[in-house]
C-alpha atoms as a PDB file:
ATOM      1  CA  MET A   1      88.109  65.625 123.082  1.00  0.00           C
ATOM      2  CA  ALA A   2      91.458  64.065 123.889  1.00  0.00           C
ATOM      3  CA  SER A   3      94.011  63.672 121.146  1.00  0.00           C
ATOM      4  CA  LYS A   4      96.736  61.060 120.898  1.00  0.00           C
ATOM      5  CA  TYR A   5      99.192  63.963 121.144  1.00  0.00           C
ATOM      6  CA  ASP A   6      97.912  65.347 124.463  1.00  0.00           C
ATOM      7  CA  GLY A   7     100.693  63.627 126.426  1.00  0.00           C
ATOM      8  CA  LEU A   8     103.361  65.045 124.136  1.00  0.00           C
ATOM      9  CA  ALA A   9     101.693  68.455 124.345  1.00  0.00           C
ATOM     10  CA  ARG A  10     101.877  68.370 128.164  1.00  0.00           C
ATOM     11  CA  ILE A  11     105.573  67.455 128.059  1.00  0.00           C
ATOM     12  CA  ILE A  12     106.279  70.276 125.611  1.00  0.00           C
ATOM     13  CA  LEU A  13     104.335  72.829 127.657  1.00  0.00           C
ATOM     14  CA  GLN A  14     106.061  71.838 130.886  1.00  0.00           C
ATOM     15  CA  ASN A  15     109.517  71.950 129.306  1.00  0.00           C
ATOM     16  CA  VAL A  16     109.223  75.281 127.514  1.00  0.00           C
ATOM     17  CA  GLY A  17     108.818  76.835 130.939  1.00  0.00           C
ATOM     18  CA  GLY A  18     105.064  76.492 131.295  1.00  0.00           C
ATOM     19  CA  LYS A  19     102.129  78.382 129.869  1.00  0.00           C
ATOM     20  CA  SER A  20     103.131  81.609 131.606  1.00  0.00           C
ATOM     21  CA  ASN A  21     106.478  81.605 129.749  1.00  0.00           C
ATOM     22  CA  ILE A  22     104.858  81.552 126.285  1.00  0.00           C
ATOM     23  CA  THR A  23     104.146  84.856 124.536  1.00  0.00           C
ATOM     24  CA  GLY A  24     103.349  83.404 121.099  1.00  0.00           C
ATOM     25  CA  ILE A  25     103.083  80.092 119.285  1.00  0.00           C
ATOM     26  CA  ARG A  26     102.783  79.147 115.631  1.00  0.00           C
ATOM     27  CA  HIS A  27     103.934  76.306 113.424  1.00  0.00           C
ATOM     28  CA  CYS A  28     105.421  75.740 109.998  1.00  0.00           C
ATOM     29  CA  VAL A  29     105.582  72.480 108.067  1.00  0.00           C
ATOM     30  CA  THR A  30     107.704  70.629 110.653  1.00  0.00           C
ATOM     31  CA  ARG A  31     108.225  72.889 113.685  1.00  0.00           C
ATOM     32  CA  LEU A  32     106.400  74.401 116.612  1.00  0.00           C
ATOM     33  CA  ARG A  33     107.706  77.957 116.901  1.00  0.00           C
ATOM     34  CA  PHE A  34     107.459  79.485 120.365  1.00  0.00           C
ATOM     35  CA  ASN A  35     108.186  83.000 121.497  1.00  0.00           C
ATOM     36  CA  LEU A  36     109.237  82.672 125.127  1.00  0.00           C
ATOM     37  CA  LYS A  37     109.604  85.308 127.818  1.00  0.00           C
ATOM     38  CA  ASP A  38     112.689  83.553 129.186  1.00  0.00           C
ATOM     39  CA  GLU A  39     114.401  80.818 127.155  1.00  0.00           C
ATOM     40  CA  SER A  40     116.494  79.846 130.193  1.00  0.00           C
ATOM     41  CA  LYS A  41     113.313  78.377 131.742  1.00  0.00           C
ATOM     42  CA  ALA A  42     113.080  75.860 128.888  1.00  0.00           C
ATOM     43  CA  ASN A  43     114.475  72.388 129.455  1.00  0.00           C
ATOM     44  CA  THR A  44     115.986  71.754 126.033  1.00  0.00           C
ATOM     45  CA  ASP A  45     117.746  68.512 126.991  1.00  0.00           C
ATOM     46  CA  VAL A  46     114.502  66.876 128.151  1.00  0.00           C
ATOM     47  CA  LEU A  47     112.701  67.950 124.981  1.00  0.00           C
ATOM     48  CA  LYS A  48     115.486  66.619 122.745  1.00  0.00           C
ATOM     49  CA  GLU A  49     115.235  63.220 124.460  1.00  0.00           C
ATOM     50  CA  THR A  50     111.426  63.038 124.211  1.00  0.00           C
ATOM     51  CA  ASP A  51     109.866  60.558 121.777  1.00  0.00           C
ATOM     52  CA  GLY A  52     107.996  62.457 119.090  1.00  0.00           C
ATOM     53  CA  ILE A  53     110.451  65.367 119.067  1.00  0.00           C
ATOM     54  CA  VAL A  54     113.225  65.359 116.468  1.00  0.00           C
ATOM     55  CA  THR A  55     115.289  68.183 117.998  1.00  0.00           C
ATOM     56  CA  VAL A  56     115.103  71.704 119.411  1.00  0.00           C
ATOM     57  CA  ILE A  57     116.531  74.793 117.721  1.00  0.00           C
ATOM     58  CA  GLN A  58     116.952  78.249 119.231  1.00  0.00           C
ATOM     59  CA  ALA A  59     117.169  80.785 116.415  1.00  0.00           C
ATOM     60  CA  GLY A  60     115.883  84.181 115.399  1.00  0.00           C
ATOM     61  CA  GLY A  61     114.320  84.883 118.774  1.00  0.00           C
ATOM     62  CA  GLN A  62     112.264  81.711 118.510  1.00  0.00           C
ATOM     63  CA  TYR A  63     112.359  78.477 120.433  1.00  0.00           C
ATOM     64  CA  GLN A  64     111.648  75.851 117.779  1.00  0.00           C
ATOM     65  CA  VAL A  65     110.562  72.325 118.619  1.00  0.00           C
ATOM     66  CA  VAL A  66     111.001  70.142 115.531  1.00  0.00           C
ATOM     67  CA  ILE A  67     108.209  67.571 115.339  1.00  0.00           C
ATOM     68  CA  GLY A  68     107.984  66.467 111.711  1.00  0.00           C
ATOM     69  CA  ASN A  69     104.887  65.768 109.643  1.00  0.00           C
ATOM     70  CA  GLN A  70     102.557  65.533 112.658  1.00  0.00           C
ATOM     71  CA  VAL A  71     103.265  69.133 113.688  1.00  0.00           C
ATOM     72  CA  SER A  72      99.777  70.471 112.974  1.00  0.00           C
ATOM     73  CA  ASP A  73      98.196  67.782 115.182  1.00  0.00           C
ATOM     74  CA  VAL A  74     100.727  68.420 117.958  1.00  0.00           C
ATOM     75  CA  TYR A  75     100.160  72.184 117.607  1.00  0.00           C
ATOM     76  CA  ASP A  76      96.401  71.675 118.015  1.00  0.00           C
ATOM     77  CA  ALA A  77      97.029  69.535 121.109  1.00  0.00           C
ATOM     78  CA  VAL A  78      99.388  72.133 122.638  1.00  0.00           C
ATOM     79  CA  ILE A  79      96.798  74.873 122.063  1.00  0.00           C
ATOM     80  CA  SER A  80      94.008  72.729 123.518  1.00  0.00           C
ATOM     81  CA  VAL A  81      95.881  71.295 126.522  1.00  0.00           C
ATOM     82  CA  GLY A  82      97.467  74.635 127.398  1.00  0.00           C
ATOM     83  CA  HIS A  83      94.366  76.723 126.679  1.00  0.00           C
ATOM     84  CA  LEU A  84      96.567  78.946 124.503  1.00  0.00           C
ATOM     85  CA  GLU A  85      93.932  80.042 121.999  1.00  0.00           C
ATOM     86  CA  GLN A  86      94.700  83.728 122.603  1.00  0.00           C
ATOM     87  CA  LEU A  87      98.408  83.217 121.879  1.00  0.00           C
ATOM     88  CA  ALA A  88      97.938  81.015 118.816  1.00  0.00           C
ATOM     89  CA  GLU A  89      99.174  82.586 115.612  1.00  0.00           C
ATOM     90  CA  GLY A  90      98.576  79.594 113.341  1.00  0.00           C
ATOM     91  CA  LEU A  91     100.613  78.546 110.360  1.00  0.00           C
ATOM     92  CA  ALA A  92     103.929  80.245 109.609  1.00  0.00           C
ATOM     93  CA  ASP A  93     106.298  80.202 106.672  1.00  0.00           C
ATOM     94  CA  GLU A  94     109.797  78.745 107.084  1.00  0.00           C
ATOM     95  CA  SER A  95     111.179  82.102 108.277  1.00  0.00           C
ATOM     96  CA  GLY A  96     108.670  82.079 111.133  1.00  0.00           C
ATOM     97  CA  ASN A  97     106.330  84.801 109.850  1.00  0.00           C
ATOM     98  CA  ALA A  98     102.632  84.085 110.116  1.00  0.00           C
ATOM     99  CA  LEU A  99     101.267  83.407 106.660  1.00  0.00           C
ATOM    100  CA  GLY A 100      99.494  86.447 105.296  1.00  0.00           C
ATOM    101  CA  GLU A 101     101.952  88.838 106.911  1.00  0.00           C
ATOM    102  CA  GLY A 102     104.541  90.898 105.109  1.00  0.00           C
ATOM    103  CA  ALA A 103     107.799  92.348 106.341  1.00  0.00           C
ATOM    104  CA  GLY A 104     107.588  93.624 109.871  1.00  0.00           C
ATOM    105  CA  GLY A 105     104.435  91.601 110.492  1.00  0.00           C
ATOM    106  CA  ALA A 106     102.248  93.963 108.471  1.00  0.00           C
ATOM    107  CA  LYS A 107      99.477  92.319 106.513  1.00  0.00           C
ATOM    108  CA  PRO A 108      99.692  93.037 102.795  1.00  0.00           C
ATOM    109  CA  ASN A 109      96.874  94.968 101.234  1.00  0.00           C
ATOM    110  CA  LEU A 110      94.281  93.123  99.176  1.00  0.00           C
ATOM    111  CA  LEU A 111      95.891  93.926  95.818  1.00  0.00           C
ATOM    112  CA  ASN A 112      99.331  92.683  96.917  1.00  0.00           C
ATOM    113  CA  ARG A 113      97.884  89.368  98.099  1.00  0.00           C
ATOM    114  CA  PHE A 114      97.297  88.406  94.463  1.00  0.00           C
ATOM    115  CA  TYR A 115     100.930  88.946  93.424  1.00  0.00           C
END
């Protein structure tokens, strides 16, 4: 089923260097957070000028596309359009770690999840 964000998803995919340049993708409250093989393949200027994208930030080994409140819908469209289900890591906290992961990406044990 097509989403109203499919066009934006295609633009994002093309300008992060294509599907083959993506090694991981997740999102937080406002940003798509990509791990790219080669950030030099990304066309940051085009993304920054695209309607629906607030800005682009390169930080902490991540290529972050700031979307705003619609980020979860855009994330779903990027996953669907790009067939990236195997790379999808889901929701992340503001530091970029997938929720449910501790330091170093290790998942906390059951007891620690309650604290």
